[in-house]
Amino acid sequence: MTDQKQPDLFESGLEQRKATLGAEYVEANLAKADQFSMPFQKAMTEWCWGFGWGDEAIDAKTRSMMNLSMIGALGKMHEWELHLNGAINNGVSLEEIRAIIHVVAIYCGVPQGVECFRIARPVLVARGLLPAEES
């Protein structure tokens, strides 16, 4: 066994989580965590963001695209909306988002694709990627 120092998964996870989801959002979640929910916040930050996102094998943009596909397939739309914002922060384009939704619709059913488009529109408008009303 080597004496190499293991990375602090919470700290590296917190950095990646803030970079993707936004520091304000992450700090607000941690601030409202109590003794009941803080262990989960810590574990999620370490496991999902420190371990899962903490290596360089897959870039953040690709991970975001994978997340949109998987979370869309699961139908977890609150998380999908959150990760849509994260995907935009990580450089996923409007055209790529559209293509991801098409794949979700093909493999998970048209109603799920419709739901993804429904959730995406206000996010994309708010982020300036779509006009408020299309003719």
Protein backbone atom coordinates (compact mmCIF):
# COMPACT_ATOMS: atom_id res chain seq x y z
CA MET A 1 0.00 0.00 0.00
CA THR A 2 1.31 3.45 -0.90
CA ASP A 3 1.41 6.46 1.35
CA GLN A 4 -0.24 8.69 -1.25
CA LYS A 5 -2.74 11.08 0.26
CA GLN A 6 -6.27 10.29 -0.87
CA PRO A 7 -8.22 13.25 -2.21
CA ASP A 8 -10.79 14.79 0.11
CA LEU A 9 -13.93 13.65 -1.69
CA PHE A 10 -16.16 16.16 0.09
CA GLU A 11 -13.99 19.14 -0.85
CA SER A 12 -13.42 18.03 -4.44
CA GLY A 13 -17.11 17.11 -4.73
CA LEU A 14 -18.18 20.46 -3.34
CA GLU A 15 -16.01 22.24 -5.90
CA GLN A 16 -17.48 20.23 -8.80
CA ARG A 17 -21.03 20.52 -7.48
CA LYS A 18 -20.72 24.32 -7.27
CA ALA A 19 -19.12 24.53 -10.72
CA THR A 20 -22.01 22.61 -12.28
CA LEU A 21 -25.07 23.65 -10.27
CA GLY A 22 -23.93 27.08 -9.16
CA ALA A 23 -22.37 28.09 -5.85
CA GLU A 24 -25.49 29.97 -4.71
CA TYR A 25 -27.74 26.93 -5.19
CA VAL A 26 -25.33 24.53 -3.47
CA GLU A 27 -24.61 26.86 -0.55
CA ALA A 28 -28.36 27.40 -0.03
CA ASN A 29 -28.93 23.63 0.06
CA LEU A 30 -26.17 23.13 2.59
CA ALA A 31 -27.36 26.08 4.68
CA LYS A 32 -30.88 24.68 4.99
CA ALA A 33 -29.67 21.17 5.80
CA ASP A 34 -30.27 20.17 9.41
CA GLN A 35 -29.05 17.31 11.58
CA PHE A 36 -31.55 15.05 9.80
CA SER A 37 -30.54 15.85 6.20
CA MET A 38 -26.89 16.98 6.52
CA PRO A 39 -25.46 13.42 6.53
CA PHE A 40 -27.17 12.86 3.17
CA GLN A 41 -25.87 16.17 1.79
CA LYS A 42 -22.34 15.21 2.82
CA ALA A 43 -22.60 11.68 1.45
CA MET A 44 -24.11 12.89 -1.84
CA THR A 45 -21.41 15.52 -2.24
CA GLU A 46 -18.68 12.96 -1.57
CA TRP A 47 -20.13 10.07 -3.57
CA CYS A 48 -21.89 11.74 -6.51
CA TRP A 49 -19.73 14.79 -6.99
CA GLY A 50 -16.38 13.81 -5.44
CA PHE A 51 -16.21 10.17 -6.52
CA GLY A 52 -18.60 10.14 -9.51
CA TRP A 53 -17.53 13.45 -11.06
CA GLY A 54 -14.08 13.61 -9.47
CA ASP A 55 -11.92 12.00 -12.11
CA GLU A 56 -10.93 13.19 -15.56
CA ALA A 57 -12.05 10.08 -17.46
CA ILE A 58 -15.16 11.86 -18.76
CA ASP A 59 -15.40 15.63 -19.13
CA ALA A 60 -18.09 17.60 -17.30
CA LYS A 61 -20.06 18.36 -20.48
CA THR A 62 -20.35 14.68 -21.36
CA ARG A 63 -21.30 13.79 -17.78
CA SER A 64 -24.03 16.44 -17.92
CA MET A 65 -25.35 14.99 -21.18
CA MET A 66 -25.38 11.52 -19.63
CA ASN A 67 -27.21 12.87 -16.57
CA LEU A 68 -29.91 14.53 -18.67
CA SER A 69 -30.47 11.26 -20.52
CA MET A 70 -30.58 9.08 -17.40
CA ILE A 71 -32.58 11.45 -15.20
CA GLY A 72 -35.00 12.07 -18.08
CA ALA A 73 -35.39 8.31 -18.49
CA LEU A 74 -36.16 7.99 -14.79
CA GLY A 75 -38.76 10.76 -15.03
CA LYS A 76 -37.26 12.69 -12.09
CA MET A 77 -38.18 16.05 -13.53
CA HIS A 78 -37.24 18.30 -10.61
CA GLU A 79 -33.72 16.86 -10.80
CA TRP A 80 -33.83 17.01 -14.60
CA GLU A 81 -34.53 20.74 -14.47
CA LEU A 82 -31.67 21.25 -12.00
CA HIS A 83 -29.28 19.25 -14.18
CA LEU A 84 -30.47 21.05 -17.31
CA ASN A 85 -29.14 24.26 -15.77
CA GLY A 86 -25.96 22.41 -14.83
CA ALA A 87 -25.61 21.07 -18.37
CA ILE A 88 -25.88 24.59 -19.77
CA ASN A 89 -23.22 25.69 -17.26
CA ASN A 90 -21.04 22.84 -18.55
CA GLY A 91 -21.38 23.92 -22.19
CA VAL A 92 -24.20 21.72 -23.50
CA SER A 93 -25.78 23.54 -26.45
CA LEU A 94 -29.42 24.04 -27.34
CA GLU A 95 -29.02 21.61 -30.24
CA GLU A 96 -27.47 18.99 -27.96
CA ILE A 97 -30.28 19.42 -25.41
CA ARG A 98 -32.84 18.92 -28.18
CA ALA A 99 -31.05 15.76 -29.36
CA ILE A 100 -30.91 14.39 -25.81
CA ILE A 101 -34.66 14.92 -25.44
CA HIS A 102 -35.21 13.15 -28.76
CA VAL A 103 -33.27 10.13 -27.44
CA VAL A 104 -35.29 10.16 -24.20
CA ALA A 105 -38.50 10.18 -26.26
CA ILE A 106 -37.32 7.34 -28.51
CA TYR A 107 -36.20 5.03 -25.71
CA CYS A 108 -38.56 6.07 -22.88
CA GLY A 109 -41.69 7.12 -24.75
CA VAL A 110 -43.02 10.23 -26.38
CA PRO A 111 -44.82 11.43 -23.22
CA GLN A 112 -41.48 11.55 -21.41
CA GLY A 113 -39.97 13.52 -24.27
CA VAL A 114 -42.92 15.92 -24.14
CA GLU A 115 -42.32 16.36 -20.41
CA CYS A 116 -38.63 17.12 -21.00
CA PHE A 117 -39.50 19.76 -23.60
CA ARG A 118 -42.13 21.22 -21.23
CA ILE A 119 -39.60 21.54 -18.41
CA ALA A 120 -36.82 22.76 -20.72
CA ARG A 121 -38.63 25.68 -22.35
CA PRO A 122 -38.80 28.03 -19.32
CA VAL A 123 -35.21 27.20 -18.36
CA LEU A 124 -33.99 27.88 -21.88
CA VAL A 125 -35.97 31.13 -22.06
CA ALA A 126 -34.63 32.27 -18.68
CA ARG A 127 -31.08 31.46 -19.79
CA GLY A 128 -31.53 33.44 -23.03
CA LEU A 129 -31.25 30.40 -25.28
CA LEU A 130 -34.82 30.70 -26.60
CA PRO A 131 -37.04 33.72 -27.16
CA ALA A 132 -39.90 34.15 -24.71
CA GLU A 133 -42.43 33.38 -27.46
CA GLU A 134 -41.79 31.69 -30.77
CA SER A 135 -44.12 32.41 -33.67
